[in-house]
Amino acid sequence: MRSFSTFGHEVCTGCLRGQCATLELDMTVCSICEGVGLVRWMDAAGNWVSRPCECQEAEREQKRIAAAQIPARYKDCTLDTFHIYHGADRLLGAALTTARRFVDEYPVDTGGKGLLFTGSMGVGKTHLAVGVLQRLVRERGAKGLFCDYRELLKSIQNSYNPEVRTTELELLKPVFAAEVLVLDDLGAQKPNEWVWDTVALILNTRYNDRQTTIITTNYSDLPAGGGGLSDPERAAREPTLGDRIGDRMLSRLAEMCIQVKMAGKDCRQTEIKRARFG
């Protein structure tokens, strides 16, 4: 079917004739500006004055949200939808309070600092990180970006393939430029010298530029090595963030971020059980 544009919307001529199988017209036009995008009025001196309609800000907000590349799985994660179940560890309530305060004080009182959410899997670290990102984008007009740590490293490694036209610099440019970056699941990639160098490049660049970085990790923010432990104890202990990204970058994070510890049951497993058994 041919289509034509009206008020910026594509309209199918078949729909107008009732010839389409489904009628899916989007004829929504702003009731304030009637699709013009500007609101005009006459001031006391008789001069016409105009300003952008509020629908234009709503459109810009949606573009900023789209540019943040929040995965579909997390698009409904907001601070208001973060559920603290009955009997939850007090750290969850404290984490939500810290996240809300961070948004309220941004950017004046945060001094370029970000947040470091630590805790076991499924306690809601990514939910809160995305919730903060969404509010900063929507309410503060921040230009944000969600970035999965493991996927970023894989993409950078893939860029070294001569058949891939994307370069490492092109992949890292939006990571460096984002006013607010969510770096999800830091430490998930098995560490080696290349991983440590890449992490150092990302964190140091953002630190020097005083950009806000919000990080989630399943590892405790403790140094590497397990010094003072016996060999059996060292072998049995859980890896730390220091083990995964190096103590030098762990120290950098202490300067860059406000630590937010979280603890509780794995909510993902709870949801799976609920879906299975009702």
C-alpha atoms as a PDB file:
ATOM      1  CA  MET A   1       0.000   0.000   0.000  1.00  0.00           C
ATOM      2  CA  ARG A   2       1.130   3.570  -0.698  1.00  0.00           C
ATOM      3  CA  SER A   3       1.541   5.831   2.281  1.00  0.00           C
ATOM      4  CA  PHE A   4       1.697   9.535   2.856  1.00  0.00           C
ATOM      5  CA  SER A   5       2.862  11.629   5.767  1.00  0.00           C
ATOM      6  CA  THR A   6       0.633  13.713   7.983  1.00  0.00           C
ATOM      7  CA  PHE A   7       1.934  15.550  11.017  1.00  0.00           C
ATOM      8  CA  GLY A   8       5.116  13.497  10.752  1.00  0.00           C
ATOM      9  CA  HIS A   9       3.279  10.120  10.784  1.00  0.00           C
ATOM     10  CA  GLU A  10       3.203   7.596   7.945  1.00  0.00           C
ATOM     11  CA  VAL A  11      -0.420   6.805   7.075  1.00  0.00           C
ATOM     12  CA  CYS A  12      -1.367   3.867   4.859  1.00  0.00           C
ATOM     13  CA  THR A  13      -3.910   4.751   2.166  1.00  0.00           C
ATOM     14  CA  GLY A  14      -5.277   1.236   2.375  1.00  0.00           C
ATOM     15  CA  CYS A  15      -6.149   1.778   6.020  1.00  0.00           C
ATOM     16  CA  LEU A  16      -8.068   4.886   5.108  1.00  0.00           C
ATOM     17  CA  ARG A  17     -10.103   2.835   2.659  1.00  0.00           C
ATOM     18  CA  GLY A  18     -10.573  -0.021   5.105  1.00  0.00           C
ATOM     19  CA  GLN A  19      -8.594  -2.343   2.817  1.00  0.00           C
ATOM     20  CA  CYS A  20      -5.889  -3.408   5.298  1.00  0.00           C
ATOM     21  CA  ALA A  21      -6.166  -6.546   7.390  1.00  0.00           C
ATOM     22  CA  THR A  22      -5.468  -4.512  10.507  1.00  0.00           C
ATOM     23  CA  LEU A  23      -6.103  -0.861  11.195  1.00  0.00           C
ATOM     24  CA  GLU A  24      -2.983   0.507  12.919  1.00  0.00           C
ATOM     25  CA  LEU A  25      -3.096   4.248  12.507  1.00  0.00           C
ATOM     26  CA  ASP A  26      -1.088   6.472  14.804  1.00  0.00           C
ATOM     27  CA  MET A  27      -2.825   9.798  14.390  1.00  0.00           C
ATOM     28  CA  THR A  28      -1.742  11.065  17.803  1.00  0.00           C
ATOM     29  CA  VAL A  29      -0.965  14.745  17.570  1.00  0.00           C
ATOM     30  CA  CYS A  30      -0.002  16.960  20.485  1.00  0.00           C
ATOM     31  CA  SER A  31      -3.131  18.714  21.711  1.00  0.00           C
ATOM     32  CA  ILE A  32      -1.075  21.728  22.815  1.00  0.00           C
ATOM     33  CA  CYS A  33       0.876  22.618  19.677  1.00  0.00           C
ATOM     34  CA  GLU A  34      -1.125  20.505  17.178  1.00  0.00           C
ATOM     35  CA  GLY A  35       2.084  18.967  15.828  1.00  0.00           C
ATOM     36  CA  VAL A  36       3.869  22.257  15.132  1.00  0.00           C
ATOM     37  CA  GLY A  37       6.354  21.812  17.967  1.00  0.00           C
ATOM     38  CA  LEU A  38       6.085  25.420  19.148  1.00  0.00           C
ATOM     39  CA  VAL A  39       3.714  27.261  21.441  1.00  0.00           C
ATOM     40  CA  ARG A  40       3.022  30.915  20.583  1.00  0.00           C
ATOM     41  CA  TRP A  41       1.325  33.651  22.545  1.00  0.00           C
ATOM     42  CA  MET A  42       1.155  37.430  22.576  1.00  0.00           C
ATOM     43  CA  ASP A  43       2.909  39.240  25.414  1.00  0.00           C
ATOM     44  CA  ALA A  44       1.739  42.423  27.151  1.00  0.00           C
ATOM     45  CA  ALA A  45       3.501  44.585  24.551  1.00  0.00           C
ATOM     46  CA  GLY A  46       1.630  42.945  21.716  1.00  0.00           C
ATOM     47  CA  ASN A  47       4.586  40.938  20.444  1.00  0.00           C
ATOM     48  CA  TRP A  48       4.343  37.304  19.457  1.00  0.00           C
ATOM     49  CA  VAL A  49       6.513  35.050  21.647  1.00  0.00           C
ATOM     50  CA  SER A  50       7.223  31.374  21.051  1.00  0.00           C
ATOM     51  CA  ARG A  51       8.879  28.506  22.894  1.00  0.00           C
ATOM     52  CA  PRO A  52       9.297  24.784  22.217  1.00  0.00           C
ATOM     53  CA  CYS A  53       6.256  22.756  23.216  1.00  0.00           C
ATOM     54  CA  GLU A  54       6.615  20.301  26.087  1.00  0.00           C
ATOM     55  CA  CYS A  55       6.039  17.469  23.613  1.00  0.00           C
ATOM     56  CA  GLN A  56       9.446  18.308  22.125  1.00  0.00           C
ATOM     57  CA  GLU A  57      11.153  17.681  25.463  1.00  0.00           C
ATOM     58  CA  ALA A  58       9.319  14.365  25.757  1.00  0.00           C
ATOM     59  CA  GLU A  59      10.619  13.409  22.316  1.00  0.00           C
ATOM     60  CA  ARG A  60      14.176  14.419  23.231  1.00  0.00           C
ATOM     61  CA  GLU A  61      13.878  12.389  26.452  1.00  0.00           C
ATOM     62  CA  GLN A  62      12.916   9.282  24.503  1.00  0.00           C
ATOM     63  CA  LYS A  63      15.870   9.808  22.181  1.00  0.00           C
ATOM     64  CA  ARG A  64      18.231  10.056  25.156  1.00  0.00           C
ATOM     65  CA  ILE A  65      16.781   6.847  26.607  1.00  0.00           C
ATOM     66  CA  ALA A  66      17.206   5.071  23.263  1.00  0.00           C
ATOM     67  CA  ALA A  67      20.799   6.342  23.000  1.00  0.00           C
ATOM     68  CA  ALA A  68      21.561   4.892  26.454  1.00  0.00           C
ATOM     69  CA  GLN A  69      21.123   1.397  24.953  1.00  0.00           C
ATOM     70  CA  ILE A  70      19.485  -0.103  28.028  1.00  0.00           C
ATOM     71  CA  PRO A  71      18.762  -3.783  27.242  1.00  0.00           C
ATOM     72  CA  ALA A  72      15.113  -4.755  26.876  1.00  0.00           C
ATOM     73  CA  ARG A  73      15.430  -6.987  29.934  1.00  0.00           C
ATOM     74  CA  TYR A  74      16.081  -3.933  32.110  1.00  0.00           C
ATOM     75  CA  LYS A  75      13.918  -1.286  30.443  1.00  0.00           C
ATOM     76  CA  ASP A  76      11.369  -1.416  33.282  1.00  0.00           C
ATOM     77  CA  CYS A  77      14.007  -1.229  36.020  1.00  0.00           C
ATOM     78  CA  THR A  78      13.453   2.016  37.903  1.00  0.00           C
ATOM     79  CA  LEU A  79      14.063   3.112  41.460  1.00  0.00           C
ATOM     80  CA  ASP A  80      10.314   3.064  42.009  1.00  0.00           C
ATOM     81  CA  THR A  81      10.002  -0.574  40.886  1.00  0.00           C
ATOM     82  CA  PHE A  82      12.835  -1.838  43.100  1.00  0.00           C
ATOM     83  CA  HIS A  83      11.044  -4.194  45.495  1.00  0.00           C
ATOM     84  CA  ILE A  84      12.345  -4.759  49.023  1.00  0.00           C
ATOM     85  CA  TYR A  85      10.764  -7.999  50.172  1.00  0.00           C
ATOM     86  CA  HIS A  86       9.608  -8.695  53.716  1.00  0.00           C
ATOM     87  CA  GLY A  87      12.547  -9.602  55.936  1.00  0.00           C
ATOM     88  CA  ALA A  88      15.132  -8.345  53.434  1.00  0.00           C
ATOM     89  CA  ASP A  89      18.635  -7.514  54.567  1.00  0.00           C
ATOM     90  CA  ARG A  90      18.838  -3.890  55.723  1.00  0.00           C
ATOM     91  CA  LEU A  91      21.563  -3.289  53.115  1.00  0.00           C
ATOM     92  CA  LEU A  92      18.950  -3.381  50.345  1.00  0.00           C
ATOM     93  CA  GLY A  93      16.989  -0.513  51.871  1.00  0.00           C
ATOM     94  CA  ALA A  94      20.206   1.426  52.440  1.00  0.00           C
ATOM     95  CA  ALA A  95      21.249   0.819  48.817  1.00  0.00           C
ATOM     96  CA  LEU A  96      17.950   2.191  47.505  1.00  0.00           C
ATOM     97  CA  THR A  97      18.262   5.241  49.758  1.00  0.00           C
ATOM     98  CA  THR A  98      21.805   5.876  48.510  1.00  0.00           C
ATOM     99  CA  ALA A  99      20.687   5.551  44.883  1.00  0.00           C
ATOM    100  CA  ARG A 100      17.831   8.032  45.384  1.00  0.00           C
ATOM    101  CA  ARG A 101      20.075  10.511  47.183  1.00  0.00           C
ATOM    102  CA  PHE A 102      22.687  10.237  44.445  1.00  0.00           C
ATOM    103  CA  VAL A 103      20.133  11.235  41.816  1.00  0.00           C
ATOM    104  CA  ASP A 104      18.748  14.069  43.943  1.00  0.00           C
ATOM    105  CA  GLU A 105      22.223  15.543  44.491  1.00  0.00           C
ATOM    106  CA  TYR A 106      23.488  15.059  40.936  1.00  0.00           C
ATOM    107  CA  PRO A 107      25.577  16.718  39.577  1.00  0.00           C
ATOM    108  CA  VAL A 108      26.500  19.445  42.063  1.00  0.00           C
ATOM    109  CA  ASP A 109      27.277  17.410  45.183  1.00  0.00           C
ATOM    110  CA  THR A 110      28.550  14.194  43.599  1.00  0.00           C
ATOM    111  CA  GLY A 111      31.838  15.782  42.518  1.00  0.00           C
ATOM    112  CA  GLY A 112      32.170  13.511  39.486  1.00  0.00           C
ATOM    113  CA  LYS A 113      31.874  10.415  41.662  1.00  0.00           C
ATOM    114  CA  GLY A 114      29.832   7.400  40.673  1.00  0.00           C
ATOM    115  CA  LEU A 115      28.488   4.331  42.443  1.00  0.00           C
ATOM    116  CA  LEU A 116      29.961   0.855  42.965  1.00  0.00           C
ATOM    117  CA  PHE A 117      27.273  -1.750  43.644  1.00  0.00           C
ATOM    118  CA  THR A 118      28.748  -4.935  45.141  1.00  0.00           C
ATOM    119  CA  GLY A 119      26.982  -8.122  46.187  1.00  0.00           C
ATOM    120  CA  SER A 120      26.106 -11.654  45.175  1.00  0.00           C
ATOM    121  CA  MET A 121      24.102 -12.564  42.089  1.00  0.00           C
ATOM    122  CA  GLY A 122      20.445 -11.637  41.901  1.00  0.00           C
ATOM    123  CA  VAL A 123      20.277  -9.075  44.721  1.00  0.00           C
ATOM    124  CA  GLY A 124      19.296  -6.214  42.389  1.00  0.00           C
ATOM    125  CA  LYS A 125      22.565  -4.441  41.605  1.00  0.00           C
ATOM    126  CA  THR A 126      21.812  -3.953  37.913  1.00  0.00           C
ATOM    127  CA  HIS A 127      18.232  -2.936  38.704  1.00  0.00           C
ATOM    128  CA  LEU A 128      19.429  -0.063  40.896  1.00  0.00           C
ATOM    129  CA  ALA A 129      22.197   0.933  38.483  1.00  0.00           C
ATOM    130  CA  VAL A 130      19.731   1.146  35.591  1.00  0.00           C
ATOM    131  CA  GLY A 131      17.216   2.902  37.827  1.00  0.00           C
ATOM    132  CA  VAL A 132      19.768   5.616  38.565  1.00  0.00           C
ATOM    133  CA  LEU A 133      20.701   5.860  34.881  1.00  0.00           C
ATOM    134  CA  GLN A 134      17.066   6.203  33.789  1.00  0.00           C
ATOM    135  CA  ARG A 135      16.333   8.970  36.273  1.00  0.00           C
ATOM    136  CA  LEU A 136      19.488  10.918  35.392  1.00  0.00           C
ATOM    137  CA  VAL A 137      18.646  10.681  31.693  1.00  0.00           C
ATOM    138  CA  ARG A 138      14.982  11.587  32.146  1.00  0.00           C
ATOM    139  CA  GLU A 139      15.146  14.154  34.937  1.00  0.00           C
ATOM    140  CA  ARG A 140      18.631  15.649  34.593  1.00  0.00           C
ATOM    141  CA  GLY A 141      18.982  15.468  30.830  1.00  0.00           C
ATOM    142  CA  ALA A 142      22.165  13.425  31.171  1.00  0.00           C
ATOM    143  CA  LYS A 143      23.616  11.580  28.190  1.00  0.00           C
ATOM    144  CA  GLY A 144      24.037   8.036  29.450  1.00  0.00           C
ATOM    145  CA  LEU A 145      25.164   4.629  28.229  1.00  0.00           C
ATOM    146  CA  PHE A 146      24.645   1.079  29.496  1.00  0.00           C
ATOM    147  CA  CYS A 147      27.597  -1.186  28.804  1.00  0.00           C
ATOM    148  CA  ASP A 148      27.995  -4.889  29.598  1.00  0.00           C
ATOM    149  CA  TYR A 149      31.624  -5.352  30.672  1.00  0.00           C
ATOM    150  CA  ARG A 150      32.067  -8.810  29.166  1.00  0.00           C
ATOM    151  CA  GLU A 151      30.398  -7.907  25.864  1.00  0.00           C
ATOM    152  CA  LEU A 152      32.527  -4.772  25.570  1.00  0.00           C
ATOM    153  CA  LEU A 153      35.758  -6.745  25.954  1.00  0.00           C
ATOM    154  CA  LYS A 154      34.569  -9.313  23.415  1.00  0.00           C
ATOM    155  CA  SER A 155      33.754  -6.559  20.938  1.00  0.00           C
ATOM    156  CA  ILE A 156      37.167  -4.974  21.413  1.00  0.00           C
ATOM    157  CA  GLN A 157      38.902  -8.307  20.899  1.00  0.00           C
ATOM    158  CA  ASN A 158      36.824  -8.911  17.785  1.00  0.00           C
ATOM    159  CA  SER A 159      37.894  -5.540  16.398  1.00  0.00           C
ATOM    160  CA  TYR A 160      41.434  -6.906  16.039  1.00  0.00           C
ATOM    161  CA  ASN A 161      40.143  -9.241  13.311  1.00  0.00           C
ATOM    162  CA  PRO A 162      41.281  -7.721   9.996  1.00  0.00           C
ATOM    163  CA  GLU A 163      37.900  -8.563   8.462  1.00  0.00           C
ATOM    164  CA  VAL A 164      36.093  -6.410  11.033  1.00  0.00           C
ATOM    165  CA  ARG A 165      35.916  -2.753  10.074  1.00  0.00           C
ATOM    166  CA  THR A 166      35.101  -1.422  13.544  1.00  0.00           C
ATOM    167  CA  THR A 167      38.191  -0.245  15.431  1.00  0.00           C
ATOM    168  CA  GLU A 168      38.930  -0.347  19.145  1.00  0.00           C
ATOM    169  CA  LEU A 169      38.819   3.444  19.273  1.00  0.00           C
ATOM    170  CA  GLU A 170      35.362   3.512  17.677  1.00  0.00           C
ATOM    171  CA  LEU A 171      34.092   1.043  20.288  1.00  0.00           C
ATOM    172  CA  LEU A 172      35.589   2.939  23.204  1.00  0.00           C
ATOM    173  CA  LYS A 173      34.691   6.449  22.054  1.00  0.00           C
ATOM    174  CA  PRO A 174      31.066   6.332  23.345  1.00  0.00           C
ATOM    175  CA  VAL A 175      32.309   4.697  26.582  1.00  0.00           C
ATOM    176  CA  PHE A 176      34.696   7.596  27.140  1.00  0.00           C
ATOM    177  CA  ALA A 177      32.186  10.244  26.058  1.00  0.00           C
ATOM    178  CA  ALA A 178      29.142   9.165  28.090  1.00  0.00           C
ATOM    179  CA  GLU A 179      28.287  11.638  30.810  1.00  0.00           C
ATOM    180  CA  VAL A 180      26.954   8.718  32.861  1.00  0.00           C
ATOM    181  CA  LEU A 181      28.212   5.196  32.149  1.00  0.00           C
ATOM    182  CA  VAL A 182      26.783   2.015  33.655  1.00  0.00           C
ATOM    183  CA  LEU A 183      29.498  -0.656  33.489  1.00  0.00           C
ATOM    184  CA  ASP A 184      27.654  -3.841  34.350  1.00  0.00           C
ATOM    185  CA  ASP A 185      29.255  -6.997  35.812  1.00  0.00           C
ATOM    186  CA  LEU A 186      32.791  -5.672  36.193  1.00  0.00           C
ATOM    187  CA  GLY A 187      35.283  -8.496  36.675  1.00  0.00           C
ATOM    188  CA  ALA A 188      33.215 -11.100  34.822  1.00  0.00           C
ATOM    189  CA  GLN A 189      35.933 -11.650  32.207  1.00  0.00           C
ATOM    190  CA  LYS A 190      38.798 -13.961  33.155  1.00  0.00           C
ATOM    191  CA  PRO A 191      41.721 -11.648  33.966  1.00  0.00           C
ATOM    192  CA  ASN A 192      44.948 -11.338  32.009  1.00  0.00           C
ATOM    193  CA  GLU A 193      47.335  -8.509  31.194  1.00  0.00           C
ATOM    194  CA  TRP A 194      45.248  -7.339  28.227  1.00  0.00           C
ATOM    195  CA  VAL A 195      42.062  -7.272  30.323  1.00  0.00           C
ATOM    196  CA  TRP A 196      43.802  -5.322  33.091  1.00  0.00           C
ATOM    197  CA  ASP A 197      45.221  -2.807  30.586  1.00  0.00           C
ATOM    198  CA  THR A 198      41.814  -2.308  28.970  1.00  0.00           C
ATOM    199  CA  VAL A 199      40.069  -1.816  32.311  1.00  0.00           C
ATOM    200  CA  ALA A 200      42.782   0.648  33.330  1.00  0.00           C
ATOM    201  CA  LEU A 201      42.310   2.619  30.103  1.00  0.00           C
ATOM    202  CA  ILE A 202      38.534   2.883  30.600  1.00  0.00           C
ATOM    203  CA  LEU A 203      38.567   3.737  34.295  1.00  0.00           C
ATOM    204  CA  ASN A 204      41.529   6.127  34.180  1.00  0.00           C
ATOM    205  CA  THR A 205      40.123   8.017  31.195  1.00  0.00           C
ATOM    206  CA  ARG A 206      36.773   8.513  32.884  1.00  0.00           C
ATOM    207  CA  TYR A 207      38.447   9.368  36.198  1.00  0.00           C
ATOM    208  CA  ASN A 208      40.622  12.038  34.594  1.00  0.00           C
ATOM    209  CA  ASP A 209      37.621  13.509  32.754  1.00  0.00           C
ATOM    210  CA  ARG A 210      35.529  13.473  35.954  1.00  0.00           C
ATOM    211  CA  GLN A 211      32.801  11.473  34.251  1.00  0.00           C
ATOM    212  CA  THR A 212      30.246   9.634  36.371  1.00  0.00           C
ATOM    213  CA  THR A 213      30.678   5.847  36.295  1.00  0.00           C
ATOM    214  CA  ILE A 214      28.167   3.448  37.876  1.00  0.00           C
ATOM    215  CA  ILE A 215      29.539  -0.072  38.307  1.00  0.00           C
ATOM    216  CA  THR A 216      28.065  -3.400  39.342  1.00  0.00           C
ATOM    217  CA  THR A 217      30.107  -6.452  40.313  1.00  0.00           C
ATOM    218  CA  ASN A 218      29.548  -9.844  41.914  1.00  0.00           C
ATOM    219  CA  TYR A 219      32.964  -9.657  43.596  1.00  0.00           C
ATOM    220  CA  SER A 220      33.815  -8.147  46.965  1.00  0.00           C
ATOM    221  CA  ASP A 221      35.919  -4.991  46.788  1.00  0.00           C
ATOM    222  CA  LEU A 222      38.918  -6.614  48.501  1.00  0.00           C
ATOM    223  CA  PRO A 223      42.564  -6.753  47.349  1.00  0.00           C
ATOM    224  CA  ALA A 224      44.008  -9.588  45.332  1.00  0.00           C
ATOM    225  CA  GLY A 225      46.123 -12.480  46.512  1.00  0.00           C
ATOM    226  CA  GLY A 226      44.677 -13.545  49.840  1.00  0.00           C
ATOM    227  CA  GLY A 227      47.844 -12.518  51.654  1.00  0.00           C
ATOM    228  CA  GLY A 228      48.395 -14.156  55.051  1.00  0.00           C
ATOM    229  CA  LEU A 229      46.326 -17.207  54.163  1.00  0.00           C
ATOM    230  CA  SER A 230      47.587 -20.758  53.951  1.00  0.00           C
ATOM    231  CA  ASP A 231      47.660 -22.440  50.538  1.00  0.00           C
ATOM    232  CA  PRO A 232      44.474 -24.488  51.226  1.00  0.00           C
ATOM    233  CA  GLU A 233      42.703 -21.377  52.531  1.00  0.00           C
ATOM    234  CA  ARG A 234      43.819 -19.352  49.516  1.00  0.00           C
ATOM    235  CA  ALA A 235      42.605 -22.075  47.148  1.00  0.00           C
ATOM    236  CA  ALA A 236      39.219 -22.268  48.865  1.00  0.00           C
ATOM    237  CA  ARG A 237      38.524 -18.556  49.147  1.00  0.00           C
ATOM    238  CA  GLU A 238      36.231 -16.685  46.784  1.00  0.00           C
ATOM    239  CA  PRO A 239      37.915 -14.444  44.172  1.00  0.00           C
ATOM    240  CA  THR A 240      37.820 -10.719  44.921  1.00  0.00           C
ATOM    241  CA  LEU A 241      37.504  -7.692  42.673  1.00  0.00           C
ATOM    242  CA  GLY A 242      41.206  -7.123  43.239  1.00  0.00           C
ATOM    243  CA  ASP A 243      41.861 -10.549  41.760  1.00  0.00           C
ATOM    244  CA  ARG A 244      39.735  -9.759  38.709  1.00  0.00           C
ATOM    245  CA  ILE A 245      40.842  -6.213  37.804  1.00  0.00           C
ATOM    246  CA  GLY A 246      44.052  -5.739  39.809  1.00  0.00           C
ATOM    247  CA  ASP A 247      44.689  -3.832  43.023  1.00  0.00           C
ATOM    248  CA  ARG A 248      45.729  -0.665  41.203  1.00  0.00           C
ATOM    249  CA  MET A 249      42.311  -0.331  39.564  1.00  0.00           C
ATOM    250  CA  LEU A 250      40.594  -1.374  42.776  1.00  0.00           C
ATOM    251  CA  SER A 251      42.277   1.588  44.436  1.00  0.00           C
ATOM    252  CA  ARG A 252      41.153   3.845  41.579  1.00  0.00           C
ATOM    253  CA  LEU A 253      37.548   2.741  42.103  1.00  0.00           C
ATOM    254  CA  ALA A 254      37.769   3.810  45.743  1.00  0.00           C
ATOM    255  CA  GLU A 255      38.410   7.344  44.463  1.00  0.00           C
ATOM    256  CA  MET A 256      35.857   7.210  41.655  1.00  0.00           C
ATOM    257  CA  CYS A 257      32.837   5.657  43.329  1.00  0.00           C
ATOM    258  CA  ILE A 258      30.709   5.587  46.433  1.00  0.00           C
ATOM    259  CA  GLN A 259      30.556   1.986  47.585  1.00  0.00           C
ATOM    260  CA  VAL A 260      27.089   0.459  47.897  1.00  0.00           C
ATOM    261  CA  LYS A 261      27.076  -3.006  49.461  1.00  0.00           C
ATOM    262  CA  MET A 262      24.065  -5.229  48.834  1.00  0.00           C
ATOM    263  CA  ALA A 263      23.074  -8.576  50.323  1.00  0.00           C
ATOM    264  CA  GLY A 264      20.057 -10.848  50.178  1.00  0.00           C
ATOM    265  CA  LYS A 265      18.513 -13.795  48.429  1.00  0.00           C
ATOM    266  CA  ASP A 266      18.779 -14.381  44.702  1.00  0.00           C
ATOM    267  CA  CYS A 267      15.606 -12.750  43.397  1.00  0.00           C
ATOM    268  CA  ARG A 268      16.085 -14.340  39.971  1.00  0.00           C
ATOM    269  CA  GLN A 269      15.772 -17.823  41.472  1.00  0.00           C
ATOM    270  CA  THR A 270      12.730 -16.692  43.428  1.00  0.00           C
ATOM    271  CA  GLU A 271      11.055 -15.489  40.233  1.00  0.00           C
ATOM    272  CA  ILE A 272      11.887 -18.749  38.444  1.00  0.00           C
ATOM    273  CA  LYS A 273      10.343 -20.804  41.251  1.00  0.00           C
ATOM    274  CA  ARG A 274       7.286 -18.570  41.312  1.00  0.00           C
ATOM    275  CA  ALA A 275       6.833 -18.983  37.565  1.00  0.00           C
ATOM    276  CA  ARG A 276       7.140 -22.771  37.835  1.00  0.00           C
ATOM    277  CA  PHE A 277       5.076 -23.456  40.894  1.00  0.00           C
ATOM    278  CA  GLY A 278       2.888 -20.380  41.249  1.00  0.00           C
END
